[in-house]
Amino acid sequence: MITYIITFFAVFLTDVLYIYFIKSIQDNKSIQAAFWSVVVTATASITVISYTEDHYALIPALFGAFFGTLIGMKIRKKYGV
């Protein structure tokens, strides 16, 4: 069960952080984009390891992707990040 929780939050966080990565690219901030790239890759790696070991972990990964993007977009819209 802990694998599913970790997978959900890893994908959720990856999607939220990916929004910051894309925004940095749009704003032409190379160093900031490079930093977010590292963070996104690290959180995405946790996800890949999780669902490689347990294919059922794809289910919480998909939910994490949906809710991570949804919440990330709301944060971006509210705070202009």
C-alpha atoms as a PDB file:
ATOM      1  CA  MET A   1       0.000   0.000   0.000  1.00  0.00           C
ATOM      2  CA  ILE A   2       2.873   2.381   0.772  1.00  0.00           C
ATOM      3  CA  THR A   3       4.160   1.908  -2.803  1.00  0.00           C
ATOM      4  CA  TYR A   4       0.848   3.187  -4.171  1.00  0.00           C
ATOM      5  CA  ILE A   5       0.882   6.224  -1.905  1.00  0.00           C
ATOM      6  CA  ILE A   6       4.487   7.051  -2.793  1.00  0.00           C
ATOM      7  CA  THR A   7       3.731   6.573  -6.497  1.00  0.00           C
ATOM      8  CA  PHE A   8       0.677   8.837  -6.346  1.00  0.00           C
ATOM      9  CA  PHE A   9       2.542  11.649  -4.608  1.00  0.00           C
ATOM     10  CA  ALA A  10       5.671  11.252  -6.740  1.00  0.00           C
ATOM     11  CA  VAL A  11       3.656  11.712  -9.936  1.00  0.00           C
ATOM     12  CA  PHE A  12       1.540  14.445  -8.342  1.00  0.00           C
ATOM     13  CA  LEU A  13       4.666  16.348  -7.359  1.00  0.00           C
ATOM     14  CA  THR A  14       6.322  15.689 -10.719  1.00  0.00           C
ATOM     15  CA  ASP A  15       3.395  17.253 -12.552  1.00  0.00           C
ATOM     16  CA  VAL A  16       3.262  20.291 -10.277  1.00  0.00           C
ATOM     17  CA  LEU A  17       7.004  20.830 -10.648  1.00  0.00           C
ATOM     18  CA  TYR A  18       6.841  20.267 -14.396  1.00  0.00           C
ATOM     19  CA  ILE A  19       4.633  23.350 -14.636  1.00  0.00           C
ATOM     20  CA  TYR A  20       7.430  25.386 -13.022  1.00  0.00           C
ATOM     21  CA  PHE A  21       9.896  23.830 -15.462  1.00  0.00           C
ATOM     22  CA  ILE A  22       7.791  24.806 -18.479  1.00  0.00           C
ATOM     23  CA  LYS A  23       7.256  28.328 -17.114  1.00  0.00           C
ATOM     24  CA  SER A  24      11.026  28.750 -16.682  1.00  0.00           C
ATOM     25  CA  ILE A  25      11.535  27.735 -20.298  1.00  0.00           C
ATOM     26  CA  GLN A  26       8.838  30.151 -21.454  1.00  0.00           C
ATOM     27  CA  ASP A  27      10.519  32.946 -19.489  1.00  0.00           C
ATOM     28  CA  ASN A  28      13.913  32.000 -21.001  1.00  0.00           C
ATOM     29  CA  LYS A  29      15.463  31.403 -17.554  1.00  0.00           C
ATOM     30  CA  SER A  30      18.117  28.809 -18.346  1.00  0.00           C
ATOM     31  CA  ILE A  31      19.510  28.162 -14.864  1.00  0.00           C
ATOM     32  CA  GLN A  32      16.065  27.991 -13.293  1.00  0.00           C
ATOM     33  CA  ALA A  33      14.834  25.645 -16.050  1.00  0.00           C
ATOM     34  CA  ALA A  34      17.882  23.431 -15.562  1.00  0.00           C
ATOM     35  CA  PHE A  35      17.201  23.256 -11.806  1.00  0.00           C
ATOM     36  CA  TRP A  36      13.548  22.301 -12.335  1.00  0.00           C
ATOM     37  CA  SER A  37      14.651  19.723 -14.899  1.00  0.00           C
ATOM     38  CA  VAL A  38      16.768  17.975 -12.268  1.00  0.00           C
ATOM     39  CA  VAL A  39      13.956  18.031  -9.695  1.00  0.00           C
ATOM     40  CA  VAL A  40      11.394  16.733 -12.199  1.00  0.00           C
ATOM     41  CA  THR A  41      13.728  13.940 -13.281  1.00  0.00           C
ATOM     42  CA  ALA A  42      14.351  12.929  -9.660  1.00  0.00           C
ATOM     43  CA  THR A  43      10.645  12.711  -8.779  1.00  0.00           C
ATOM     44  CA  ALA A  44       9.834  10.985 -12.075  1.00  0.00           C
ATOM     45  CA  SER A  45      12.546   8.409 -11.362  1.00  0.00           C
ATOM     46  CA  ILE A  46      10.860   7.465  -8.092  1.00  0.00           C
ATOM     47  CA  THR A  47       7.680   6.890 -10.057  1.00  0.00           C
ATOM     48  CA  VAL A  48       9.307   4.711 -12.699  1.00  0.00           C
ATOM     49  CA  ILE A  49      10.973   2.560 -10.067  1.00  0.00           C
ATOM     50  CA  SER A  50       7.638   2.169  -8.259  1.00  0.00           C
ATOM     51  CA  TYR A  51       5.579   0.968 -11.192  1.00  0.00           C
ATOM     52  CA  THR A  52       8.373  -1.099 -12.690  1.00  0.00           C
ATOM     53  CA  GLU A  53       8.341  -3.252  -9.573  1.00  0.00           C
ATOM     54  CA  ASP A  54       4.524  -3.317  -9.285  1.00  0.00           C
ATOM     55  CA  HIS A  55       2.473  -2.747 -12.425  1.00  0.00           C
ATOM     56  CA  TYR A  56      -0.630  -1.986 -10.367  1.00  0.00           C
ATOM     57  CA  ALA A  57       1.174   1.155  -9.190  1.00  0.00           C
ATOM     58  CA  LEU A  58       0.299   2.616 -12.597  1.00  0.00           C
ATOM     59  CA  ILE A  59      -3.222   3.215 -11.290  1.00  0.00           C
ATOM     60  CA  PRO A  60      -2.204   5.688  -8.553  1.00  0.00           C
ATOM     61  CA  ALA A  61       0.385   7.111 -10.997  1.00  0.00           C
ATOM     62  CA  LEU A  62      -2.383   8.029 -13.420  1.00  0.00           C
ATOM     63  CA  PHE A  63      -4.460   9.602 -10.658  1.00  0.00           C
ATOM     64  CA  GLY A  64      -1.383  11.487  -9.472  1.00  0.00           C
ATOM     65  CA  ALA A  65      -0.806  12.797 -12.995  1.00  0.00           C
ATOM     66  CA  PHE A  66      -4.370  14.036 -13.287  1.00  0.00           C
ATOM     67  CA  PHE A  67      -4.536  15.720  -9.893  1.00  0.00           C
ATOM     68  CA  GLY A  68      -0.965  17.025 -10.039  1.00  0.00           C
ATOM     69  CA  THR A  69      -1.631  18.826 -13.301  1.00  0.00           C
ATOM     70  CA  LEU A  70      -5.014  20.075 -12.108  1.00  0.00           C
ATOM     71  CA  ILE A  71      -3.648  21.487  -8.834  1.00  0.00           C
ATOM     72  CA  GLY A  72      -0.471  22.787 -10.488  1.00  0.00           C
ATOM     73  CA  MET A  73      -2.508  24.736 -13.025  1.00  0.00           C
ATOM     74  CA  LYS A  74      -4.706  26.167 -10.274  1.00  0.00           C
ATOM     75  CA  ILE A  75      -1.601  27.280  -8.350  1.00  0.00           C
ATOM     76  CA  ARG A  76      -0.152  28.843 -11.486  1.00  0.00           C
ATOM     77  CA  LYS A  77      -3.396  30.635 -12.264  1.00  0.00           C
ATOM     78  CA  LYS A  78      -3.880  31.897  -8.691  1.00  0.00           C
ATOM     79  CA  TYR A  79      -0.316  33.018  -8.015  1.00  0.00           C
ATOM     80  CA  GLY A  80       0.876  33.673 -11.568  1.00  0.00           C
ATOM     81  CA  VAL A  81       3.812  31.339 -11.110  1.00  0.00           C
END
